Amino acid sequence: MEIEAHYSLRLGINSPWEISSVDLLMAQQKVDIVVEYTADQGACPECGTICPKHDDSKVRSWRHLDTMQFSTYLYCQLPRIRCQIHSAETADTP
């Protein structure tokens, strides 16, 4: 199993989200995981209507639970969804 698939299962990442890279930094005891949104549309976080993707936010990062003794960080550009009713809203994270 590829390491990206392993972390997708561990973190519960499903389409339209995917893990594009996992960097294991042994000397720093750190794991960096990049998550990407792969669809060109998504659900409005306010009303749930499927709408086109407007753009992406700047890269954000989150500290996740450690992977054994390694600190684990997630990186993602969250998409903004253009809803006709609610304007451009940041999509919910998985």
PDB file of N, CA and C in Angstrom:
ATOM      1  N   MET A   1       0.852  -1.185   0.000  1.00  0.00           N
ATOM      2  CA  MET A   1       0.000   0.000   0.000  1.00  0.00           C
ATOM      3  C   MET A   1       0.890   1.238   0.000  1.00  0.00           C
ATOM      4  N   GLU A   2       0.552   2.207  -0.845  1.00  0.00           N
ATOM      5  CA  GLU A   2       1.277   3.464  -0.882  1.00  0.00           C
ATOM      6  C   GLU A   2       1.024   4.248   0.396  1.00  0.00           C
ATOM      7  N   ILE A   3       1.988   5.076   0.753  1.00  0.00           N
ATOM      8  CA  ILE A   3       1.870   5.834   2.006  1.00  0.00           C
ATOM      9  C   ILE A   3       0.691   6.814   1.945  1.00  0.00           C
ATOM     10  N   GLU A   4       0.402   7.397   0.761  1.00  0.00           N
ATOM     11  CA  GLU A   4      -0.736   8.309   0.632  1.00  0.00           C
ATOM     12  C   GLU A   4      -2.045   7.574   0.901  1.00  0.00           C
ATOM     13  N   ALA A   5      -2.169   6.355   0.363  1.00  0.00           N
ATOM     14  CA  ALA A   5      -3.377   5.555   0.588  1.00  0.00           C
ATOM     15  C   ALA A   5      -3.503   5.177   2.064  1.00  0.00           C
ATOM     16  N   HIS A   6      -2.378   4.851   2.696  1.00  0.00           N
ATOM     17  CA  HIS A   6      -2.371   4.518   4.118  1.00  0.00           C
ATOM     18  C   HIS A   6      -2.911   5.687   4.950  1.00  0.00           C
ATOM     19  N   TYR A   7      -2.392   6.895   4.701  1.00  0.00           N
ATOM     20  CA  TYR A   7      -2.840   8.056   5.466  1.00  0.00           C
ATOM     21  C   TYR A   7      -4.267   8.454   5.101  1.00  0.00           C
ATOM     22  N   SER A   8      -4.698   8.225   3.865  1.00  0.00           N
ATOM     23  CA  SER A   8      -6.096   8.490   3.500  1.00  0.00           C
ATOM     24  C   SER A   8      -7.033   7.638   4.344  1.00  0.00           C
ATOM     25  N   LEU A   9      -6.688   6.372   4.519  1.00  0.00           N
ATOM     26  CA  LEU A   9      -7.499   5.489   5.360  1.00  0.00           C
ATOM     27  C   LEU A   9      -7.455   5.913   6.824  1.00  0.00           C
ATOM     28  N   ARG A  10      -6.268   6.232   7.319  1.00  0.00           N
ATOM     29  CA  ARG A  10      -6.110   6.648   8.724  1.00  0.00           C
ATOM     30  C   ARG A  10      -6.902   7.907   9.044  1.00  0.00           C
ATOM     31  N   LEU A  11      -6.894   8.864   8.101  1.00  0.00           N
ATOM     32  CA  LEU A  11      -7.518  10.164   8.343  1.00  0.00           C
ATOM     33  C   LEU A  11      -8.964  10.246   7.848  1.00  0.00           C
ATOM     34  N   GLY A  12      -9.426   9.218   7.135  1.00  0.00           N
ATOM     35  CA  GLY A  12     -10.794   9.237   6.614  1.00  0.00           C
ATOM     36  C   GLY A  12     -10.981  10.209   5.468  1.00  0.00           C
ATOM     37  N   ILE A  13      -9.964  10.381   4.640  1.00  0.00           N
ATOM     38  CA  ILE A  13     -10.023  11.292   3.498  1.00  0.00           C
ATOM     39  C   ILE A  13     -10.668  10.572   2.318  1.00  0.00           C
ATOM     40  N   ASN A  14     -11.749  11.134   1.788  1.00  0.00           N
ATOM     41  CA  ASN A  14     -12.469  10.553   0.655  1.00  0.00           C
ATOM     42  C   ASN A  14     -12.654  11.602  -0.426  1.00  0.00           C
ATOM     43  N   SER A  15     -12.987  11.136  -1.636  1.00  0.00           N
ATOM     44  CA  SER A  15     -13.239  12.010  -2.776  1.00  0.00           C
ATOM     45  C   SER A  15     -14.326  13.020  -2.396  1.00  0.00           C
ATOM     46  N   PRO A  16     -14.203  14.269  -2.765  1.00  0.00           N
ATOM     47  CA  PRO A  16     -13.274  14.872  -3.704  1.00  0.00           C
ATOM     48  C   PRO A  16     -11.949  15.323  -3.095  1.00  0.00           C
ATOM     49  N   TRP A  17     -11.692  14.955  -1.858  1.00  0.00           N
ATOM     50  CA  TRP A  17     -10.421  15.264  -1.208  1.00  0.00           C
ATOM     51  C   TRP A  17      -9.453  14.108  -1.459  1.00  0.00           C
ATOM     52  N   GLU A  18      -8.164  14.419  -1.538  1.00  0.00           N
ATOM     53  CA  GLU A  18      -7.164  13.363  -1.640  1.00  0.00           C
ATOM     54  C   GLU A  18      -5.841  13.837  -1.048  1.00  0.00           C
ATOM     55  N   ILE A  19      -5.070  12.890  -0.597  1.00  0.00           N
ATOM     56  CA  ILE A  19      -3.736  13.203  -0.088  1.00  0.00           C
ATOM     57  C   ILE A  19      -2.784  13.150  -1.269  1.00  0.00           C
ATOM     58  N   SER A  20      -2.157  14.284  -1.567  1.00  0.00           N
ATOM     59  CA  SER A  20      -1.266  14.345  -2.727  1.00  0.00           C
ATOM     60  C   SER A  20       0.175  14.032  -2.366  1.00  0.00           C
ATOM     61  N   SER A  21       0.556  14.256  -1.113  1.00  0.00           N
ATOM     62  CA  SER A  21       1.923  13.902  -0.721  1.00  0.00           C
ATOM     63  C   SER A  21       2.030  13.718   0.790  1.00  0.00           C
ATOM     64  N   VAL A  22       2.952  12.855   1.163  1.00  0.00           N
ATOM     65  CA  VAL A  22       3.301  12.623   2.562  1.00  0.00           C
ATOM     66  C   VAL A  22       4.805  12.692   2.644  1.00  0.00           C
ATOM     67  N   ASP A  23       5.318  13.614   3.438  1.00  0.00           N
ATOM     68  CA  ASP A  23       6.759  13.755   3.622  1.00  0.00           C
ATOM     69  C   ASP A  23       7.108  13.336   5.037  1.00  0.00           C
ATOM     70  N   LEU A  24       7.905  12.308   5.137  1.00  0.00           N
ATOM     71  CA  LEU A  24       8.372  11.811   6.427  1.00  0.00           C
ATOM     72  C   LEU A  24       9.749  12.410   6.677  1.00  0.00           C
ATOM     73  N   LEU A  25       9.829  13.302   7.643  1.00  0.00           N
ATOM     74  CA  LEU A  25      11.072  14.009   7.965  1.00  0.00           C
ATOM     75  C   LEU A  25      11.670  13.371   9.215  1.00  0.00           C
ATOM     76  N   MET A  26      12.508  12.363   8.993  1.00  0.00           N
ATOM     77  CA  MET A  26      13.046  11.547  10.090  1.00  0.00           C
ATOM     78  C   MET A  26      13.828  12.382  11.106  1.00  0.00           C
ATOM     79  N   ALA A  27      14.715  13.250  10.636  1.00  0.00           N
ATOM     80  CA  ALA A  27      15.573  14.032  11.546  1.00  0.00           C
ATOM     81  C   ALA A  27      14.753  14.954  12.441  1.00  0.00           C
ATOM     82  N   GLN A  28      13.635  15.438  11.930  1.00  0.00           N
ATOM     83  CA  GLN A  28      12.783  16.357  12.703  1.00  0.00           C
ATOM     84  C   GLN A  28      11.657  15.631  13.424  1.00  0.00           C
ATOM     85  N   GLN A  29      11.562  14.329  13.225  1.00  0.00           N
ATOM     86  CA  GLN A  29      10.475  13.520  13.774  1.00  0.00           C
ATOM     87  C   GLN A  29       9.117  14.172  13.474  1.00  0.00           C
ATOM     88  N   LYS A  30       8.886  14.370  12.162  1.00  0.00           N
ATOM     89  CA  LYS A  30       7.715  15.098  11.707  1.00  0.00           C
ATOM     90  C   LYS A  30       7.163  14.445  10.444  1.00  0.00           C
ATOM     91  N   VAL A  31       5.838  14.477  10.309  1.00  0.00           N
ATOM     92  CA  VAL A  31       5.161  14.032   9.095  1.00  0.00           C
ATOM     93  C   VAL A  31       4.363  15.209   8.553  1.00  0.00           C
ATOM     94  N   ASP A  32       4.615  15.583   7.279  1.00  0.00           N
ATOM     95  CA  ASP A  32       3.858  16.634   6.604  1.00  0.00           C
ATOM     96  C   ASP A  32       2.956  15.986   5.565  1.00  0.00           C
ATOM     97  N   ILE A  33       1.665  16.277   5.634  1.00  0.00           N
ATOM     98  CA  ILE A  33       0.680  15.681   4.732  1.00  0.00           C
ATOM     99  C   ILE A  33      -0.044  16.801   3.991  1.00  0.00           C
ATOM    100  N   VAL A  34      -0.022  16.727   2.650  1.00  0.00           N
ATOM    101  CA  VAL A  34      -0.711  17.716   1.826  1.00  0.00           C
ATOM    102  C   VAL A  34      -2.020  17.107   1.327  1.00  0.00           C
ATOM    103  N   VAL A  35      -3.136  17.797   1.621  1.00  0.00           N
ATOM    104  CA  VAL A  35      -4.474  17.361   1.209  1.00  0.00           C
ATOM    105  C   VAL A  35      -4.968  18.341   0.148  1.00  0.00           C
ATOM    106  N   GLU A  36      -5.518  17.793  -0.950  1.00  0.00           N
ATOM    107  CA  GLU A  36      -6.018  18.631  -2.040  1.00  0.00           C
ATOM    108  C   GLU A  36      -7.485  18.344  -2.311  1.00  0.00           C
ATOM    109  N   TYR A  37      -8.188  19.387  -2.768  1.00  0.00           N
ATOM    110  CA  TYR A  37      -9.577  19.264  -3.218  1.00  0.00           C
ATOM    111  C   TYR A  37      -9.527  19.110  -4.725  1.00  0.00           C
ATOM    112  N   THR A  38     -10.075  18.022  -5.263  1.00  0.00           N
ATOM    113  CA  THR A  38      -9.891  17.702  -6.679  1.00  0.00           C
ATOM    114  C   THR A  38     -11.099  17.995  -7.560  1.00  0.00           C
ATOM    115  N   ALA A  39     -12.225  18.374  -6.995  1.00  0.00           N
ATOM    116  CA  ALA A  39     -13.432  18.613  -7.794  1.00  0.00           C
ATOM    117  C   ALA A  39     -13.530  20.072  -8.225  1.00  0.00           C
ATOM    118  N   ASP A  40     -14.350  20.321  -9.249  1.00  0.00           N
ATOM    119  CA  ASP A  40     -14.586  21.696  -9.698  1.00  0.00           C
ATOM    120  C   ASP A  40     -15.921  22.247  -9.207  1.00  0.00           C
ATOM    121  N   GLN A  41     -16.550  21.503  -8.284  1.00  0.00           N
ATOM    122  CA  GLN A  41     -17.779  21.961  -7.642  1.00  0.00           C
ATOM    123  C   GLN A  41     -17.844  21.362  -6.244  1.00  0.00           C
ATOM    124  N   GLY A  42     -18.767  21.869  -5.440  1.00  0.00           N
ATOM    125  CA  GLY A  42     -18.906  21.349  -4.086  1.00  0.00           C
ATOM    126  C   GLY A  42     -20.177  21.858  -3.441  1.00  0.00           C
ATOM    127  N   ALA A  43     -20.442  21.372  -2.250  1.00  0.00           N
ATOM    128  CA  ALA A  43     -21.648  21.763  -1.518  1.00  0.00           C
ATOM    129  C   ALA A  43     -21.415  23.083  -0.784  1.00  0.00           C
ATOM    130  N   CYS A  44     -22.374  23.979  -0.899  1.00  0.00           N
ATOM    131  CA  CYS A  44     -22.335  25.227  -0.131  1.00  0.00           C
ATOM    132  C   CYS A  44     -22.403  24.851   1.349  1.00  0.00           C
ATOM    133  N   PRO A  45     -21.496  25.385   2.180  1.00  0.00           N
ATOM    134  CA  PRO A  45     -21.528  25.038   3.602  1.00  0.00           C
ATOM    135  C   PRO A  45     -22.752  25.577   4.339  1.00  0.00           C
ATOM    136  N   GLU A  46     -23.459  26.541   3.748  1.00  0.00           N
ATOM    137  CA  GLU A  46     -24.644  27.114   4.379  1.00  0.00           C
ATOM    138  C   GLU A  46     -25.906  26.328   4.071  1.00  0.00           C
ATOM    139  N   CYS A  47     -26.109  25.999   2.777  1.00  0.00           N
ATOM    140  CA  CYS A  47     -27.391  25.389   2.380  1.00  0.00           C
ATOM    141  C   CYS A  47     -27.245  24.002   1.758  1.00  0.00           C
ATOM    142  N   GLY A  48     -26.011  23.570   1.453  1.00  0.00           N
ATOM    143  CA  GLY A  48     -25.789  22.241   0.904  1.00  0.00           C
ATOM    144  C   GLY A  48     -25.989  22.115  -0.593  1.00  0.00           C
ATOM    145  N   THR A  49     -26.368  23.212  -1.270  1.00  0.00           N
ATOM    146  CA  THR A  49     -26.561  23.190  -2.713  1.00  0.00           C
ATOM    147  C   THR A  49     -25.223  22.957  -3.411  1.00  0.00           C
ATOM    148  N   ILE A  50     -25.209  22.088  -4.431  1.00  0.00           N
ATOM    149  CA  ILE A  50     -23.992  21.853  -5.203  1.00  0.00           C
ATOM    150  C   ILE A  50     -23.781  23.044  -6.129  1.00  0.00           C
ATOM    151  N   CYS A  51     -22.618  23.676  -5.996  1.00  0.00           N
ATOM    152  CA  CYS A  51     -22.298  24.899  -6.726  1.00  0.00           C
ATOM    153  C   CYS A  51     -20.884  24.799  -7.289  1.00  0.00           C
ATOM    154  N   PRO A  52     -20.535  25.652  -8.249  1.00  0.00           N
ATOM    155  CA  PRO A  52     -19.178  25.615  -8.800  1.00  0.00           C
ATOM    156  C   PRO A  52     -18.139  26.115  -7.798  1.00  0.00           C
ATOM    157  N   LYS A  53     -16.936  25.606  -7.945  1.00  0.00           N
ATOM    158  CA  LYS A  53     -15.811  26.078  -7.129  1.00  0.00           C
ATOM    159  C   LYS A  53     -15.439  27.473  -7.617  1.00  0.00           C
ATOM    160  N   HIS A  54     -15.241  28.378  -6.676  1.00  0.00           N
ATOM    161  CA  HIS A  54     -14.904  29.763  -7.009  1.00  0.00           C
ATOM    162  C   HIS A  54     -13.387  29.941  -7.102  1.00  0.00           C
ATOM    163  N   ASP A  55     -12.667  29.583  -6.051  1.00  0.00           N
ATOM    164  CA  ASP A  55     -11.208  29.673  -6.023  1.00  0.00           C
ATOM    165  C   ASP A  55     -10.706  28.913  -4.806  1.00  0.00           C
ATOM    166  N   ASP A  56      -9.411  29.033  -4.511  1.00  0.00           N
ATOM    167  CA  ASP A  56      -8.805  28.394  -3.347  1.00  0.00           C
ATOM    168  C   ASP A  56      -8.274  29.450  -2.391  1.00  0.00           C
ATOM    169  N   SER A  57      -8.314  29.139  -1.105  1.00  0.00           N
ATOM    170  CA  SER A  57      -7.720  30.029  -0.110  1.00  0.00           C
ATOM    171  C   SER A  57      -6.206  29.814  -0.100  1.00  0.00           C
ATOM    172  N   LYS A  58      -5.506  30.617   0.664  1.00  0.00           N
ATOM    173  CA  LYS A  58      -4.074  30.374   0.821  1.00  0.00           C
ATOM    174  C   LYS A  58      -3.901  29.079   1.618  1.00  0.00           C
ATOM    175  N   VAL A  59      -2.714  28.517   1.563  1.00  0.00           N
ATOM    176  CA  VAL A  59      -2.454  27.252   2.251  1.00  0.00           C
ATOM    177  C   VAL A  59      -2.597  27.450   3.757  1.00  0.00           C
ATOM    178  N   ARG A  60      -3.367  26.572   4.365  1.00  0.00           N
ATOM    179  CA  ARG A  60      -3.538  26.563   5.821  1.00  0.00           C
ATOM    180  C   ARG A  60      -2.900  25.301   6.363  1.00  0.00           C
ATOM    181  N   SER A  61      -2.559  25.314   7.631  1.00  0.00           N
ATOM    182  CA  SER A  61      -1.964  24.118   8.243  1.00  0.00           C
ATOM    183  C   SER A  61      -2.620  23.846   9.587  1.00  0.00           C
ATOM    184  N   TRP A  62      -2.679  22.558   9.929  1.00  0.00           N
ATOM    185  CA  TRP A  62      -3.244  22.103  11.189  1.00  0.00           C
ATOM    186  C   TRP A  62      -2.317  21.073  11.796  1.00  0.00           C
ATOM    187  N   ARG A  63      -2.189  21.094  13.090  1.00  0.00           N
ATOM    188  CA  ARG A  63      -1.489  20.035  13.809  1.00  0.00           C
ATOM    189  C   ARG A  63      -2.495  18.924  14.048  1.00  0.00           C
ATOM    190  N   HIS A  64      -2.126  17.712  13.691  1.00  0.00           N
ATOM    191  CA  HIS A  64      -2.993  16.555  13.886  1.00  0.00           C
ATOM    192  C   HIS A  64      -2.428  15.729  15.030  1.00  0.00           C
ATOM    193  N   LEU A  65      -3.108  14.667  15.384  1.00  0.00           N
ATOM    194  CA  LEU A  65      -2.575  13.743  16.386  1.00  0.00           C
ATOM    195  C   LEU A  65      -1.238  13.185  15.912  1.00  0.00           C
ATOM    196  N   ASP A  66      -0.347  12.932  16.832  1.00  0.00           N
ATOM    197  CA  ASP A  66       0.958  12.404  16.459  1.00  0.00           C
ATOM    198  C   ASP A  66       0.843  11.033  15.815  1.00  0.00           C
ATOM    199  N   THR A  67       1.764  10.764  14.893  1.00  0.00           N
ATOM    200  CA  THR A  67       1.923   9.442  14.305  1.00  0.00           C
ATOM    201  C   THR A  67       3.094   8.810  15.043  1.00  0.00           C
ATOM    202  N   MET A  68       2.765   7.960  16.006  1.00  0.00           N
ATOM    203  CA  MET A  68       3.746   7.424  16.946  1.00  0.00           C
ATOM    204  C   MET A  68       4.429   8.614  17.608  1.00  0.00           C
ATOM    205  N   GLN A  69       5.755   8.733  17.551  1.00  0.00           N
ATOM    206  CA  GLN A  69       6.429   9.863  18.204  1.00  0.00           C
ATOM    207  C   GLN A  69       6.600  11.056  17.259  1.00  0.00           C
ATOM    208  N   PHE A  70       6.088  10.971  16.032  1.00  0.00           N
ATOM    209  CA  PHE A  70       6.267  12.023  15.038  1.00  0.00           C
ATOM    210  C   PHE A  70       5.110  13.022  15.086  1.00  0.00           C
ATOM    211  N   SER A  71       5.435  14.305  15.147  1.00  0.00           N
ATOM    212  CA  SER A  71       4.384  15.321  15.062  1.00  0.00           C
ATOM    213  C   SER A  71       3.848  15.309  13.632  1.00  0.00           C
ATOM    214  N   THR A  72       2.536  15.466  13.498  1.00  0.00           N
ATOM    215  CA  THR A  72       1.884  15.336  12.200  1.00  0.00           C
ATOM    216  C   THR A  72       1.158  16.629  11.863  1.00  0.00           C
ATOM    217  N   TYR A  73       1.429  17.153  10.665  1.00  0.00           N
ATOM    218  CA  TYR A  73       0.831  18.402  10.208  1.00  0.00           C
ATOM    219  C   TYR A  73       0.121  18.180   8.886  1.00  0.00           C
ATOM    220  N   LEU A  74      -1.069  18.780   8.753  1.00  0.00           N
ATOM    221  CA  LEU A  74      -1.840  18.745   7.514  1.00  0.00           C
ATOM    222  C   LEU A  74      -1.771  20.121   6.868  1.00  0.00           C
ATOM    223  N   TYR A  75      -1.643  20.142   5.538  1.00  0.00           N
ATOM    224  CA  TYR A  75      -1.594  21.379   4.760  1.00  0.00           C
ATOM    225  C   TYR A  75      -2.644  21.298   3.662  1.00  0.00           C
ATOM    226  N   CYS A  76      -3.407  22.387   3.474  1.00  0.00           N
ATOM    227  CA  CYS A  76      -4.481  22.347   2.486  1.00  0.00           C
ATOM    228  C   CYS A  76      -4.862  23.762   2.059  1.00  0.00           C
ATOM    229  N   GLN A  77      -5.179  23.897   0.766  1.00  0.00           N
ATOM    230  CA  GLN A  77      -5.823  25.106   0.260  1.00  0.00           C
ATOM    231  C   GLN A  77      -7.312  24.794   0.215  1.00  0.00           C
ATOM    232  N   LEU A  78      -8.068  25.365   1.126  1.00  0.00           N
ATOM    233  CA  LEU A  78      -9.505  25.101   1.156  1.00  0.00           C
ATOM    234  C   LEU A  78     -10.188  25.816  -0.008  1.00  0.00           C
ATOM    235  N   PRO A  79     -11.076  25.115  -0.725  1.00  0.00           N
ATOM    236  CA  PRO A  79     -11.782  25.759  -1.825  1.00  0.00           C
ATOM    237  C   PRO A  79     -12.897  26.661  -1.305  1.00  0.00           C
ATOM    238  N   ARG A  80     -13.191  27.692  -2.086  1.00  0.00           N
ATOM    239  CA  ARG A  80     -14.377  28.504  -1.815  1.00  0.00           C
ATOM    240  C   ARG A  80     -15.403  28.144  -2.878  1.00  0.00           C
ATOM    241  N   ILE A  81     -16.636  27.952  -2.434  1.00  0.00           N
ATOM    242  CA  ILE A  81     -17.735  27.553  -3.294  1.00  0.00           C
ATOM    243  C   ILE A  81     -18.610  28.778  -3.566  1.00  0.00           C
ATOM    244  N   ARG A  82     -18.952  29.009  -4.848  1.00  0.00           N
ATOM    245  CA  ARG A  82     -19.758  30.172  -5.224  1.00  0.00           C
ATOM    246  C   ARG A  82     -21.232  29.776  -5.268  1.00  0.00           C
ATOM    247  N   CYS A  83     -21.923  30.091  -4.193  1.00  0.00           N
ATOM    248  CA  CYS A  83     -23.362  29.818  -4.085  1.00  0.00           C
ATOM    249  C   CYS A  83     -24.131  31.047  -4.575  1.00  0.00           C
ATOM    250  N   GLN A  84     -25.199  30.831  -5.337  1.00  0.00           N
ATOM    251  CA  GLN A  84     -26.010  31.953  -5.829  1.00  0.00           C
ATOM    252  C   GLN A  84     -26.711  32.680  -4.688  1.00  0.00           C
ATOM    253  N   ILE A  85     -26.951  31.984  -3.593  1.00  0.00           N
ATOM    254  CA  ILE A  85     -27.644  32.593  -2.461  1.00  0.00           C
ATOM    255  C   ILE A  85     -26.669  33.181  -1.444  1.00  0.00           C
ATOM    256  N   HIS A  86     -25.593  32.457  -1.121  1.00  0.00           N
ATOM    257  CA  HIS A  86     -24.701  32.846  -0.044  1.00  0.00           C
ATOM    258  C   HIS A  86     -23.357  33.410  -0.482  1.00  0.00           C
ATOM    259  N   SER A  87     -23.174  33.674  -1.761  1.00  0.00           N
ATOM    260  CA  SER A  87     -21.919  34.215  -2.267  1.00  0.00           C
ATOM    261  C   SER A  87     -20.820  33.163  -2.164  1.00  0.00           C
ATOM    262  N   ALA A  88     -19.573  33.586  -2.107  1.00  0.00           N
ATOM    263  CA  ALA A  88     -18.439  32.651  -2.024  1.00  0.00           C
ATOM    264  C   ALA A  88     -18.192  32.288  -0.563  1.00  0.00           C
ATOM    265  N   GLU A  89     -18.294  30.997  -0.262  1.00  0.00           N
ATOM    266  CA  GLU A  89     -18.116  30.482   1.092  1.00  0.00           C
ATOM    267  C   GLU A  89     -17.029  29.417   1.096  1.00  0.00           C
ATOM    268  N   THR A  90     -16.235  29.375   2.143  1.00  0.00           N
ATOM    269  CA  THR A  90     -15.204  28.352   2.280  1.00  0.00           C
ATOM    270  C   THR A  90     -15.855  27.002   2.549  1.00  0.00           C
ATOM    271  N   ALA A  91     -15.436  26.002   1.782  1.00  0.00           N
ATOM    272  CA  ALA A  91     -16.002  24.653   1.921  1.00  0.00           C
ATOM    273  C   ALA A  91     -15.615  24.057   3.268  1.00  0.00           C
ATOM    274  N   ASP A  92     -16.462  23.154   3.744  1.00  0.00           N
ATOM    275  CA  ASP A  92     -16.165  22.440   4.993  1.00  0.00           C
ATOM    276  C   ASP A  92     -15.024  21.457   4.756  1.00  0.00           C
ATOM    277  N   THR A  93     -14.215  21.264   5.777  1.00  0.00           N
ATOM    278  CA  THR A  93     -13.109  20.306   5.688  1.00  0.00           C
ATOM    279  C   THR A  93     -13.602  18.904   6.017  1.00  0.00           C
ATOM    280  N   PRO A  94     -12.906  17.899   5.501  1.00  0.00           N
ATOM    281  CA  PRO A  94     -13.325  16.521   5.827  1.00  0.00           C
ATOM    282  C   PRO A  94     -13.019  16.167   7.266  1.00  0.00           C
TER     283      PRO A  94
END
